[in-house]
mmCIF file of all heavy atoms, coordinates in Angstrom:
data_MODEL
# 
_entry.id   MODEL 
# 
loop_
_atom_site.group_PDB 
_atom_site.id 
_atom_site.type_symbol 
_atom_site.label_atom_id 
_atom_site.label_alt_id 
_atom_site.label_comp_id 
_atom_site.label_asym_id 
_atom_site.label_entity_id 
_atom_site.label_seq_id 
_atom_site.pdbx_PDB_ins_code 
_atom_site.Cartn_x 
_atom_site.Cartn_y 
_atom_site.Cartn_z 
_atom_site.occupancy 
_atom_site.B_iso_or_equiv 
_atom_site.pdbx_formal_charge 
_atom_site.auth_seq_id 
_atom_site.auth_comp_id 
_atom_site.auth_asym_id 
_atom_site.auth_atom_id 
_atom_site.pdbx_PDB_model_num 
ATOM 1   N N   . VAL A 1 1  ? -3.349  -4.813  -5.150  1.00 0.00 ? 1  VAL A N   1 
ATOM 2   C CA  . VAL A 1 1  ? -4.366  -5.151  -6.174  1.00 0.00 ? 1  VAL A CA  1 
ATOM 3   C C   . VAL A 1 1  ? -4.888  -6.605  -5.852  1.00 0.00 ? 1  VAL A C   1 
ATOM 4   O O   . VAL A 1 1  ? -6.116  -6.798  -5.870  1.00 0.00 ? 1  VAL A O   1 
ATOM 5   C CB  . VAL A 1 1  ? -3.812  -5.054  -7.582  1.00 0.00 ? 1  VAL A CB  1 
ATOM 6   C CG1 . VAL A 1 1  ? -4.756  -5.691  -8.601  1.00 0.00 ? 1  VAL A CG1 1 
ATOM 7   C CG2 . VAL A 1 1  ? -3.481  -3.631  -7.948  1.00 0.00 ? 1  VAL A CG2 1 
ATOM 8   N N   . ALA A 1 2  ? -4.000  -7.500  -5.516  1.00 0.00 ? 2  ALA A N   1 
ATOM 9   C CA  . ALA A 1 2  ? -4.415  -8.850  -5.264  1.00 0.00 ? 2  ALA A CA  1 
ATOM 10  C C   . ALA A 1 2  ? -5.361  -8.910  -4.017  1.00 0.00 ? 2  ALA A C   1 
ATOM 11  O O   . ALA A 1 2  ? -6.330  -9.688  -3.956  1.00 0.00 ? 2  ALA A O   1 
ATOM 12  C CB  . ALA A 1 2  ? -3.208  -9.804  -5.081  1.00 0.00 ? 2  ALA A CB  1 
ATOM 13  N N   . GLU A 1 3  ? -4.940  -8.135  -2.992  1.00 0.00 ? 3  GLU A N   1 
ATOM 14  C CA  . GLU A 1 3  ? -5.762  -8.158  -1.760  1.00 0.00 ? 3  GLU A CA  1 
ATOM 15  C C   . GLU A 1 3  ? -7.213  -7.573  -2.000  1.00 0.00 ? 3  GLU A C   1 
ATOM 16  O O   . GLU A 1 3  ? -8.091  -7.914  -1.313  1.00 0.00 ? 3  GLU A O   1 
ATOM 17  C CB  . GLU A 1 3  ? -5.067  -7.300  -0.658  1.00 0.00 ? 3  GLU A CB  1 
ATOM 18  C CG  . GLU A 1 3  ? -3.877  -7.991  -0.140  1.00 0.00 ? 3  GLU A CG  1 
ATOM 19  C CD  . GLU A 1 3  ? -3.086  -7.106  0.849   1.00 0.00 ? 3  GLU A CD  1 
ATOM 20  O OE1 . GLU A 1 3  ? -3.504  -5.974  1.161   1.00 0.00 ? 3  GLU A OE1 1 
ATOM 21  O OE2 . GLU A 1 3  ? -1.981  -7.508  1.245   1.00 0.00 ? 3  GLU A OE2 1 
ATOM 22  N N   . ARG A 1 4  ? -7.309  -6.752  -3.056  1.00 0.00 ? 4  ARG A N   1 
ATOM 23  C CA  . ARG A 1 4  ? -8.653  -6.196  -3.374  1.00 0.00 ? 4  ARG A CA  1 
ATOM 24  C C   . ARG A 1 4  ? -9.431  -7.187  -4.245  1.00 0.00 ? 4  ARG A C   1 
ATOM 25  O O   . ARG A 1 4  ? -10.642 -6.946  -4.610  1.00 0.00 ? 4  ARG A O   1 
ATOM 26  C CB  . ARG A 1 4  ? -8.477  -4.881  -4.145  1.00 0.00 ? 4  ARG A CB  1 
ATOM 27  C CG  . ARG A 1 4  ? -8.035  -3.800  -3.211  1.00 0.00 ? 4  ARG A CG  1 
ATOM 28  C CD  . ARG A 1 4  ? -7.789  -2.458  -3.868  1.00 0.00 ? 4  ARG A CD  1 
ATOM 29  N NE  . ARG A 1 4  ? -8.571  -2.103  -5.012  1.00 0.00 ? 4  ARG A NE  1 
ATOM 30  C CZ  . ARG A 1 4  ? -8.194  -1.400  -6.016  1.00 0.00 ? 4  ARG A CZ  1 
ATOM 31  N NH1 . ARG A 1 4  ? -6.976  -0.826  -6.019  1.00 0.00 ? 4  ARG A NH1 1 
ATOM 32  N NH2 . ARG A 1 4  ? -8.967  -1.141  -7.044  1.00 0.00 ? 4  ARG A NH2 1 
ATOM 33  N N   . GLY A 1 5  ? -8.852  -8.343  -4.576  1.00 0.00 ? 5  GLY A N   1 
ATOM 34  C CA  . GLY A 1 5  ? -9.521  -9.350  -5.346  1.00 0.00 ? 5  GLY A CA  1 
ATOM 35  C C   . GLY A 1 5  ? -9.680  -9.131  -6.772  1.00 0.00 ? 5  GLY A C   1 
ATOM 36  O O   . GLY A 1 5  ? -10.511 -9.744  -7.450  1.00 0.00 ? 5  GLY A O   1 
ATOM 37  N N   . LEU A 1 6  ? -8.893  -8.225  -7.322  1.00 0.00 ? 6  LEU A N   1 
ATOM 38  C CA  . LEU A 1 6  ? -8.943  -7.871  -8.722  1.00 0.00 ? 6  LEU A CA  1 
ATOM 39  C C   . LEU A 1 6  ? -8.291  -9.023  -9.558  1.00 0.00 ? 6  LEU A C   1 
ATOM 40  O O   . LEU A 1 6  ? -7.419  -9.706  -9.021  1.00 0.00 ? 6  LEU A O   1 
ATOM 41  C CB  . LEU A 1 6  ? -8.349  -6.528  -9.060  1.00 0.00 ? 6  LEU A CB  1 
ATOM 42  C CG  . LEU A 1 6  ? -9.043  -5.360  -8.342  1.00 0.00 ? 6  LEU A CG  1 
ATOM 43  C CD1 . LEU A 1 6  ? -8.315  -4.070  -8.595  1.00 0.00 ? 6  LEU A CD1 1 
ATOM 44  C CD2 . LEU A 1 6  ? -10.484 -5.246  -8.767  1.00 0.00 ? 6  LEU A CD2 1 
ATOM 45  N N   . ASN A 1 7  ? -8.608  -9.093  -10.810 1.00 0.00 ? 7  ASN A N   1 
ATOM 46  C CA  . ASN A 1 7  ? -8.072  -10.172 -11.665 1.00 0.00 ? 7  ASN A CA  1 
ATOM 47  C C   . ASN A 1 7  ? -6.648  -9.881  -12.070 1.00 0.00 ? 7  ASN A C   1 
ATOM 48  O O   . ASN A 1 7  ? -6.107  -8.868  -11.862 1.00 0.00 ? 7  ASN A O   1 
ATOM 49  C CB  . ASN A 1 7  ? -8.997  -10.430 -12.891 1.00 0.00 ? 7  ASN A CB  1 
ATOM 50  C CG  . ASN A 1 7  ? -8.980  -9.271  -13.851 1.00 0.00 ? 7  ASN A CG  1 
ATOM 51  O OD1 . ASN A 1 7  ? -8.059  -8.457  -13.970 1.00 0.00 ? 7  ASN A OD1 1 
ATOM 52  N ND2 . ASN A 1 7  ? -10.121 -9.182  -14.573 1.00 0.00 ? 7  ASN A ND2 1 
ATOM 53  N N   . PHE A 1 8  ? -6.088  -10.904 -12.759 1.00 0.00 ? 8  PHE A N   1 
ATOM 54  C CA  . PHE A 1 8  ? -4.708  -10.872 -13.181 1.00 0.00 ? 8  PHE A CA  1 
ATOM 55  C C   . PHE A 1 8  ? -4.411  -9.701  -14.116 1.00 0.00 ? 8  PHE A C   1 
ATOM 56  O O   . PHE A 1 8  ? -3.386  -9.042  -14.055 1.00 0.00 ? 8  PHE A O   1 
ATOM 57  C CB  . PHE A 1 8  ? -4.239  -12.190 -13.759 1.00 0.00 ? 8  PHE A CB  1 
ATOM 58  C CG  . PHE A 1 8  ? -2.784  -12.281 -13.973 1.00 0.00 ? 8  PHE A CG  1 
ATOM 59  C CD1 . PHE A 1 8  ? -1.872  -12.438 -12.885 1.00 0.00 ? 8  PHE A CD1 1 
ATOM 60  C CD2 . PHE A 1 8  ? -2.223  -12.296 -15.272 1.00 0.00 ? 8  PHE A CD2 1 
ATOM 61  C CE1 . PHE A 1 8  ? -0.506  -12.505 -13.107 1.00 0.00 ? 8  PHE A CE1 1 
ATOM 62  C CE2 . PHE A 1 8  ? -0.849  -12.370 -15.450 1.00 0.00 ? 8  PHE A CE2 1 
ATOM 63  C CZ  . PHE A 1 8  ? -0.012  -12.513 -14.345 1.00 0.00 ? 8  PHE A CZ  1 
ATOM 64  N N   . GLY A 1 9  ? -5.321  -9.455  -15.031 1.00 0.00 ? 9  GLY A N   1 
ATOM 65  C CA  . GLY A 1 9  ? -5.168  -8.405  -15.990 1.00 0.00 ? 9  GLY A CA  1 
ATOM 66  C C   . GLY A 1 9  ? -5.028  -7.041  -15.370 1.00 0.00 ? 9  GLY A C   1 
ATOM 67  O O   . GLY A 1 9  ? -4.205  -6.192  -15.696 1.00 0.00 ? 9  GLY A O   1 
ATOM 68  N N   . ARG A 1 10 ? -5.917  -6.788  -14.357 1.00 0.00 ? 10 ARG A N   1 
ATOM 69  C CA  . ARG A 1 10 ? -5.852  -5.526  -13.574 1.00 0.00 ? 10 ARG A CA  1 
ATOM 70  C C   . ARG A 1 10 ? -4.513  -5.438  -12.762 1.00 0.00 ? 10 ARG A C   1 
ATOM 71  O O   . ARG A 1 10 ? -3.928  -4.366  -12.667 1.00 0.00 ? 10 ARG A O   1 
ATOM 72  C CB  . ARG A 1 10 ? -7.066  -5.463  -12.602 1.00 0.00 ? 10 ARG A CB  1 
ATOM 73  C CG  . ARG A 1 10 ? -8.394  -5.421  -13.233 1.00 0.00 ? 10 ARG A CG  1 
ATOM 74  C CD  . ARG A 1 10 ? -8.760  -4.184  -14.032 1.00 0.00 ? 10 ARG A CD  1 
ATOM 75  N NE  . ARG A 1 10 ? -8.989  -2.951  -13.284 1.00 0.00 ? 10 ARG A NE  1 
ATOM 76  C CZ  . ARG A 1 10 ? -10.162 -2.646  -12.782 1.00 0.00 ? 10 ARG A CZ  1 
ATOM 77  N NH1 . ARG A 1 10 ? -11.204 -3.524  -12.804 1.00 0.00 ? 10 ARG A NH1 1 
ATOM 78  N NH2 . ARG A 1 10 ? -10.359 -1.507  -12.161 1.00 0.00 ? 10 ARG A NH2 1 
ATOM 79  N N   . LEU A 1 11 ? -4.104  -6.573  -12.251 1.00 0.00 ? 11 LEU A N   1 
ATOM 80  C CA  . LEU A 1 11 ? -2.879  -6.575  -11.436 1.00 0.00 ? 11 LEU A CA  1 
ATOM 81  C C   . LEU A 1 11 ? -1.667  -6.206  -12.386 1.00 0.00 ? 11 LEU A C   1 
ATOM 82  O O   . LEU A 1 11 ? -0.887  -5.364  -11.984 1.00 0.00 ? 11 LEU A O   1 
ATOM 83  C CB  . LEU A 1 11 ? -2.648  -8.020  -10.864 1.00 0.00 ? 11 LEU A CB  1 
ATOM 84  C CG  . LEU A 1 11 ? -1.415  -8.167  -9.994  1.00 0.00 ? 11 LEU A CG  1 
ATOM 85  C CD1 . LEU A 1 11 ? -1.749  -8.955  -8.746  1.00 0.00 ? 11 LEU A CD1 1 
ATOM 86  C CD2 . LEU A 1 11 ? -0.320  -8.860  -10.744 1.00 0.00 ? 11 LEU A CD2 1 
ATOM 87  N N   . VAL A 1 12 ? -1.650  -6.831  -13.535 1.00 0.00 ? 12 VAL A N   1 
ATOM 88  C CA  . VAL A 1 12 ? -0.535  -6.511  -14.501 1.00 0.00 ? 12 VAL A CA  1 
ATOM 89  C C   . VAL A 1 12 ? -0.591  -5.076  -14.955 1.00 0.00 ? 12 VAL A C   1 
ATOM 90  O O   . VAL A 1 12 ? 0.446   -4.425  -14.941 1.00 0.00 ? 12 VAL A O   1 
ATOM 91  C CB  . VAL A 1 12 ? -0.536  -7.468  -15.682 1.00 0.00 ? 12 VAL A CB  1 
ATOM 92  C CG1 . VAL A 1 12 ? 0.439   -7.031  -16.724 1.00 0.00 ? 12 VAL A CG1 1 
ATOM 93  C CG2 . VAL A 1 12 ? -0.266  -8.949  -15.274 1.00 0.00 ? 12 VAL A CG2 1 
ATOM 94  N N   . ALA A 1 13 ? -1.757  -4.565  -15.214 1.00 0.00 ? 13 ALA A N   1 
ATOM 95  C CA  . ALA A 1 13 ? -1.869  -3.154  -15.580 1.00 0.00 ? 13 ALA A CA  1 
ATOM 96  C C   . ALA A 1 13 ? -1.396  -2.251  -14.501 1.00 0.00 ? 13 ALA A C   1 
ATOM 97  O O   . ALA A 1 13 ? -0.646  -1.282  -14.737 1.00 0.00 ? 13 ALA A O   1 
ATOM 98  C CB  . ALA A 1 13 ? -3.345  -2.822  -15.887 1.00 0.00 ? 13 ALA A CB  1 
ATOM 99  N N   . ALA A 1 14 ? -1.734  -2.537  -13.233 1.00 0.00 ? 14 ALA A N   1 
ATOM 100 C CA  . ALA A 1 14 ? -1.234  -1.759  -12.140 1.00 0.00 ? 14 ALA A CA  1 
ATOM 101 C C   . ALA A 1 14 ? 0.294   -1.802  -11.949 1.00 0.00 ? 14 ALA A C   1 
ATOM 102 O O   . ALA A 1 14 ? 0.922   -0.795  -11.643 1.00 0.00 ? 14 ALA A O   1 
ATOM 103 C CB  . ALA A 1 14 ? -1.975  -2.198  -10.811 1.00 0.00 ? 14 ALA A CB  1 
ATOM 104 N N   . ILE A 1 15 ? 0.866   -2.985  -12.099 1.00 0.00 ? 15 ILE A N   1 
ATOM 105 C CA  . ILE A 1 15 ? 2.273   -3.170  -12.040 1.00 0.00 ? 15 ILE A CA  1 
ATOM 106 C C   . ILE A 1 15 ? 3.015   -2.377  -13.049 1.00 0.00 ? 15 ILE A C   1 
ATOM 107 O O   . ILE A 1 15 ? 4.011   -1.678  -12.799 1.00 0.00 ? 15 ILE A O   1 
ATOM 108 C CB  . ILE A 1 15 ? 2.675   -4.624  -12.212 1.00 0.00 ? 15 ILE A CB  1 
ATOM 109 C CG1 . ILE A 1 15 ? 2.258   -5.411  -10.945 1.00 0.00 ? 15 ILE A CG1 1 
ATOM 110 C CG2 . ILE A 1 15 ? 4.160   -4.788  -12.416 1.00 0.00 ? 15 ILE A CG2 1 
ATOM 111 C CD1 . ILE A 1 15 ? 2.367   -6.998  -11.180 1.00 0.00 ? 15 ILE A CD1 1 
ATOM 112 N N   . ILE A 1 16 ? 2.477   -2.356  -14.298 1.00 0.00 ? 16 ILE A N   1 
ATOM 113 C CA  . ILE A 1 16 ? 3.103   -1.618  -15.388 1.00 0.00 ? 16 ILE A CA  1 
ATOM 114 C C   . ILE A 1 16 ? 3.011   -0.121  -15.119 1.00 0.00 ? 16 ILE A C   1 
ATOM 115 O O   . ILE A 1 16 ? 4.080   0.585   -15.327 1.00 0.00 ? 16 ILE A O   1 
ATOM 116 C CB  . ILE A 1 16 ? 2.458   -2.020  -16.728 1.00 0.00 ? 16 ILE A CB  1 
ATOM 117 C CG1 . ILE A 1 16 ? 2.849   -3.444  -17.105 1.00 0.00 ? 16 ILE A CG1 1 
ATOM 118 C CG2 . ILE A 1 16 ? 2.885   -1.051  -17.865 1.00 0.00 ? 16 ILE A CG2 1 
ATOM 119 C CD1 . ILE A 1 16 ? 2.085   -4.052  -18.233 1.00 0.00 ? 16 ILE A CD1 1 
ATOM 120 N N   . ILE A 1 17 ? 1.925   0.315   -14.749 1.00 0.00 ? 17 ILE A N   1 
ATOM 121 C CA  . ILE A 1 17 ? 1.819   1.775   -14.416 1.00 0.00 ? 17 ILE A CA  1 
ATOM 122 C C   . ILE A 1 17 ? 2.783   2.217   -13.315 1.00 0.00 ? 17 ILE A C   1 
ATOM 123 O O   . ILE A 1 17 ? 3.461   3.190   -13.466 1.00 0.00 ? 17 ILE A O   1 
ATOM 124 C CB  . ILE A 1 17 ? 0.311   2.127   -14.078 1.00 0.00 ? 17 ILE A CB  1 
ATOM 125 C CG1 . ILE A 1 17 ? -0.570  2.024   -15.263 1.00 0.00 ? 17 ILE A CG1 1 
ATOM 126 C CG2 . ILE A 1 17 ? 0.256   3.513   -13.431 1.00 0.00 ? 17 ILE A CG2 1 
ATOM 127 C CD1 . ILE A 1 17 ? -2.065  2.024   -14.946 1.00 0.00 ? 17 ILE A CD1 1 
ATOM 128 N N   . ARG A 1 18 ? 2.840   1.366   -12.230 1.00 0.00 ? 18 ARG A N   1 
ATOM 129 C CA  . ARG A 1 18 ? 3.733   1.744   -11.160 1.00 0.00 ? 18 ARG A CA  1 
ATOM 130 C C   . ARG A 1 18 ? 5.204   1.672   -11.624 1.00 0.00 ? 18 ARG A C   1 
ATOM 131 O O   . ARG A 1 18 ? 6.008   2.521   -11.277 1.00 0.00 ? 18 ARG A O   1 
ATOM 132 C CB  . ARG A 1 18 ? 3.528   0.801   -9.968  1.00 0.00 ? 18 ARG A CB  1 
ATOM 133 C CG  . ARG A 1 18 ? 4.450   1.025   -8.775  1.00 0.00 ? 18 ARG A CG  1 
ATOM 134 C CD  . ARG A 1 18 ? 4.119   2.258   -7.999  1.00 0.00 ? 18 ARG A CD  1 
ATOM 135 N NE  . ARG A 1 18 ? 2.821   2.297   -7.457  1.00 0.00 ? 18 ARG A NE  1 
ATOM 136 C CZ  . ARG A 1 18 ? 2.436   1.833   -6.254  1.00 0.00 ? 18 ARG A CZ  1 
ATOM 137 N NH1 . ARG A 1 18 ? 3.347   1.403   -5.430  1.00 0.00 ? 18 ARG A NH1 1 
ATOM 138 N NH2 . ARG A 1 18 ? 1.204   1.907   -5.845  1.00 0.00 ? 18 ARG A NH2 1 
ATOM 139 N N   . ALA A 1 19 ? 5.547   0.666   -12.439 1.00 0.00 ? 19 ALA A N   1 
ATOM 140 C CA  . ALA A 1 19 ? 6.883   0.545   -12.954 1.00 0.00 ? 19 ALA A CA  1 
ATOM 141 C C   . ALA A 1 19 ? 7.276   1.713   -13.775 1.00 0.00 ? 19 ALA A C   1 
ATOM 142 O O   . ALA A 1 19 ? 8.363   2.346   -13.619 1.00 0.00 ? 19 ALA A O   1 
ATOM 143 C CB  . ALA A 1 19 ? 7.066   -0.743  -13.764 1.00 0.00 ? 19 ALA A CB  1 
ATOM 144 N N   . GLU A 1 20 ? 6.387   2.176   -14.650 1.00 0.00 ? 20 GLU A N   1 
ATOM 145 C CA  . GLU A 1 20 ? 6.678   3.335   -15.565 1.00 0.00 ? 20 GLU A CA  1 
ATOM 146 C C   . GLU A 1 20 ? 6.856   4.577   -14.725 1.00 0.00 ? 20 GLU A C   1 
ATOM 147 O O   . GLU A 1 20 ? 7.824   5.340   -14.954 1.00 0.00 ? 20 GLU A O   1 
ATOM 148 C CB  . GLU A 1 20 ? 5.516   3.538   -16.512 1.00 0.00 ? 20 GLU A CB  1 
ATOM 149 C CG  . GLU A 1 20 ? 5.425   2.431   -17.591 1.00 0.00 ? 20 GLU A CG  1 
ATOM 150 C CD  . GLU A 1 20 ? 4.216   2.554   -18.474 1.00 0.00 ? 20 GLU A CD  1 
ATOM 151 O OE1 . GLU A 1 20 ? 3.205   3.211   -18.064 1.00 0.00 ? 20 GLU A OE1 1 
ATOM 152 O OE2 . GLU A 1 20 ? 4.232   1.959   -19.581 1.00 0.00 ? 20 GLU A OE2 1 
ATOM 153 N N   . LYS A 1 21 ? 6.013   4.795   -13.717 1.00 0.00 ? 21 LYS A N   1 
ATOM 154 C CA  . LYS A 1 21 ? 6.154   5.988   -12.868 1.00 0.00 ? 21 LYS A CA  1 
ATOM 155 C C   . LYS A 1 21 ? 7.473   5.906   -12.057 1.00 0.00 ? 21 LYS A C   1 
ATOM 156 O O   . LYS A 1 21 ? 8.151   6.920   -11.870 1.00 0.00 ? 21 LYS A O   1 
ATOM 157 C CB  . LYS A 1 21 ? 4.951   6.095   -11.931 1.00 0.00 ? 21 LYS A CB  1 
ATOM 158 C CG  . LYS A 1 21 ? 3.717   6.495   -12.662 1.00 0.00 ? 21 LYS A CG  1 
ATOM 159 C CD  . LYS A 1 21 ? 2.538   6.643   -11.716 1.00 0.00 ? 21 LYS A CD  1 
ATOM 160 C CE  . LYS A 1 21 ? 1.254   7.004   -12.461 1.00 0.00 ? 21 LYS A CE  1 
ATOM 161 N NZ  . LYS A 1 21 ? 0.103   7.153   -11.570 1.00 0.00 ? 21 LYS A NZ  1 
ATOM 162 N N   . THR A 1 22 ? 7.830   4.734   -11.578 1.00 0.00 ? 22 THR A N   1 
ATOM 163 C CA  . THR A 1 22 ? 9.032   4.564   -10.803 1.00 0.00 ? 22 THR A CA  1 
ATOM 164 C C   . THR A 1 22 ? 10.262  4.884   -11.652 1.00 0.00 ? 22 THR A C   1 
ATOM 165 O O   . THR A 1 22 ? 11.202  5.507   -11.250 1.00 0.00 ? 22 THR A O   1 
ATOM 166 C CB  . THR A 1 22 ? 9.109   3.214   -10.140 1.00 0.00 ? 22 THR A CB  1 
ATOM 167 O OG1 . THR A 1 22 ? 7.924   2.989   -9.362  1.00 0.00 ? 22 THR A OG1 1 
ATOM 168 C CG2 . THR A 1 22 ? 10.326  3.008   -9.261  1.00 0.00 ? 22 THR A CG2 1 
ATOM 169 N N   . VAL A 1 23 ? 10.266  4.271   -12.818 1.00 0.00 ? 23 VAL A N   1 
ATOM 170 C CA  . VAL A 1 23 ? 11.430  4.526   -13.742 1.00 0.00 ? 23 VAL A CA  1 
ATOM 171 C C   . VAL A 1 23 ? 11.576  6.012   -14.018 1.00 0.00 ? 23 VAL A C   1 
ATOM 172 O O   . VAL A 1 23 ? 12.746  6.564   -13.985 1.00 0.00 ? 23 VAL A O   1 
ATOM 173 C CB  . VAL A 1 23 ? 11.233  3.771   -15.086 1.00 0.00 ? 23 VAL A CB  1 
ATOM 174 C CG1 . VAL A 1 23 ? 12.262  4.264   -16.147 1.00 0.00 ? 23 VAL A CG1 1 
ATOM 175 C CG2 . VAL A 1 23 ? 11.345  2.272   -14.867 1.00 0.00 ? 23 VAL A CG2 1 
ATOM 176 N N   . GLU A 1 24 ? 10.466  6.749   -14.213 1.00 0.00 ? 24 GLU A N   1 
ATOM 177 C CA  . GLU A 1 24 ? 10.608  8.196   -14.502 1.00 0.00 ? 24 GLU A CA  1 
ATOM 178 C C   . GLU A 1 24 ? 11.096  8.950   -13.309 1.00 0.00 ? 24 GLU A C   1 
ATOM 179 O O   . GLU A 1 24 ? 11.703  9.977   -13.469 1.00 0.00 ? 24 GLU A O   1 
ATOM 180 C CB  . GLU A 1 24 ? 9.211   8.725   -14.939 1.00 0.00 ? 24 GLU A CB  1 
ATOM 181 C CG  . GLU A 1 24 ? 8.836   8.218   -16.299 1.00 0.00 ? 24 GLU A CG  1 
ATOM 182 C CD  . GLU A 1 24 ? 9.841   8.516   -17.422 1.00 0.00 ? 24 GLU A CD  1 
ATOM 183 O OE1 . GLU A 1 24 ? 10.398  9.602   -17.450 1.00 0.00 ? 24 GLU A OE1 1 
ATOM 184 O OE2 . GLU A 1 24 ? 10.120  7.562   -18.176 1.00 0.00 ? 24 GLU A OE2 1 
ATOM 185 N N   . LYS A 1 25 ? 10.938  8.356   -12.084 1.00 0.00 ? 25 LYS A N   1 
ATOM 186 C CA  . LYS A 1 25 ? 11.440  9.061   -10.830 1.00 0.00 ? 25 LYS A CA  1 
ATOM 187 C C   . LYS A 1 25 ? 12.868  8.730   -10.592 1.00 0.00 ? 25 LYS A C   1 
ATOM 188 O O   . LYS A 1 25 ? 13.523  9.349   -9.693  1.00 0.00 ? 25 LYS A O   1 
ATOM 189 C CB  . LYS A 1 25 ? 10.566  8.647   -9.669  1.00 0.00 ? 25 LYS A CB  1 
ATOM 190 C CG  . LYS A 1 25 ? 9.173   9.154   -9.707  1.00 0.00 ? 25 LYS A CG  1 
ATOM 191 C CD  . LYS A 1 25 ? 8.470   8.685   -8.467  1.00 0.00 ? 25 LYS A CD  1 
ATOM 192 C CE  . LYS A 1 25 ? 7.000   9.051   -8.501  1.00 0.00 ? 25 LYS A CE  1 
ATOM 193 N NZ  . LYS A 1 25 ? 6.264   8.478   -7.379  1.00 0.00 ? 25 LYS A NZ  1 
ATOM 194 N N   . THR A 1 26 ? 13.524  7.786   -11.312 1.00 0.00 ? 26 THR A N   1 
ATOM 195 C CA  . THR A 1 26 ? 14.926  7.378   -10.936 1.00 0.00 ? 26 THR A CA  1 
ATOM 196 C C   . THR A 1 26 ? 15.859  8.545   -10.956 1.00 0.00 ? 26 THR A C   1 
ATOM 197 O O   . THR A 1 26 ? 16.775  8.517   -10.110 1.00 0.00 ? 26 THR A O   1 
ATOM 198 C CB  . THR A 1 26 ? 15.389  6.213   -11.759 1.00 0.00 ? 26 THR A CB  1 
ATOM 199 O OG1 . THR A 1 26 ? 15.393  6.497   -13.172 1.00 0.00 ? 26 THR A OG1 1 
ATOM 200 C CG2 . THR A 1 26 ? 14.512  4.933   -11.509 1.00 0.00 ? 26 THR A CG2 1 
ATOM 201 N N   . PRO A 1 27 ? 15.747  9.487   -11.918 1.00 0.00 ? 27 PRO A N   1 
ATOM 202 C CA  . PRO A 1 27 ? 16.733  10.569  -11.871 1.00 0.00 ? 27 PRO A CA  1 
ATOM 203 C C   . PRO A 1 27 ? 16.619  11.422  -10.588 1.00 0.00 ? 27 PRO A C   1 
ATOM 204 O O   . PRO A 1 27 ? 17.631  12.041  -10.138 1.00 0.00 ? 27 PRO A O   1 
ATOM 205 C CB  . PRO A 1 27 ? 16.367  11.414  -13.084 1.00 0.00 ? 27 PRO A CB  1 
ATOM 206 C CG  . PRO A 1 27 ? 15.751  10.470  -14.040 1.00 0.00 ? 27 PRO A CG  1 
ATOM 207 C CD  . PRO A 1 27 ? 14.951  9.498   -13.136 1.00 0.00 ? 27 PRO A CD  1 
ATOM 208 N N   . GLU A 1 28 ? 15.477  11.435  -10.011 1.00 0.00 ? 28 GLU A N   1 
ATOM 209 C CA  . GLU A 1 28 ? 15.326  12.187  -8.739  1.00 0.00 ? 28 GLU A CA  1 
ATOM 210 C C   . GLU A 1 28 ? 15.923  11.465  -7.528  1.00 0.00 ? 28 GLU A C   1 
ATOM 211 O O   . GLU A 1 28 ? 16.221  12.069  -6.528  1.00 0.00 ? 28 GLU A O   1 
ATOM 212 C CB  . GLU A 1 28 ? 13.827  12.463  -8.440  1.00 0.00 ? 28 GLU A CB  1 
ATOM 213 C CG  . GLU A 1 28 ? 13.095  13.249  -9.570  1.00 0.00 ? 28 GLU A CG  1 
ATOM 214 C CD  . GLU A 1 28 ? 13.803  14.625  -9.912  1.00 0.00 ? 28 GLU A CD  1 
ATOM 215 O OE1 . GLU A 1 28 ? 14.233  15.321  -8.936  1.00 0.00 ? 28 GLU A OE1 1 
ATOM 216 O OE2 . GLU A 1 28 ? 13.934  14.892  -11.096 1.00 0.00 ? 28 GLU A OE2 1 
# 
């Protein structure tokens, strides 16, 4: 996200989405 030049709000949103998806995959 940072390399694409997006702002901090977009970066945080992307981090949260990825974290949520990763947590849901932990049982796998």
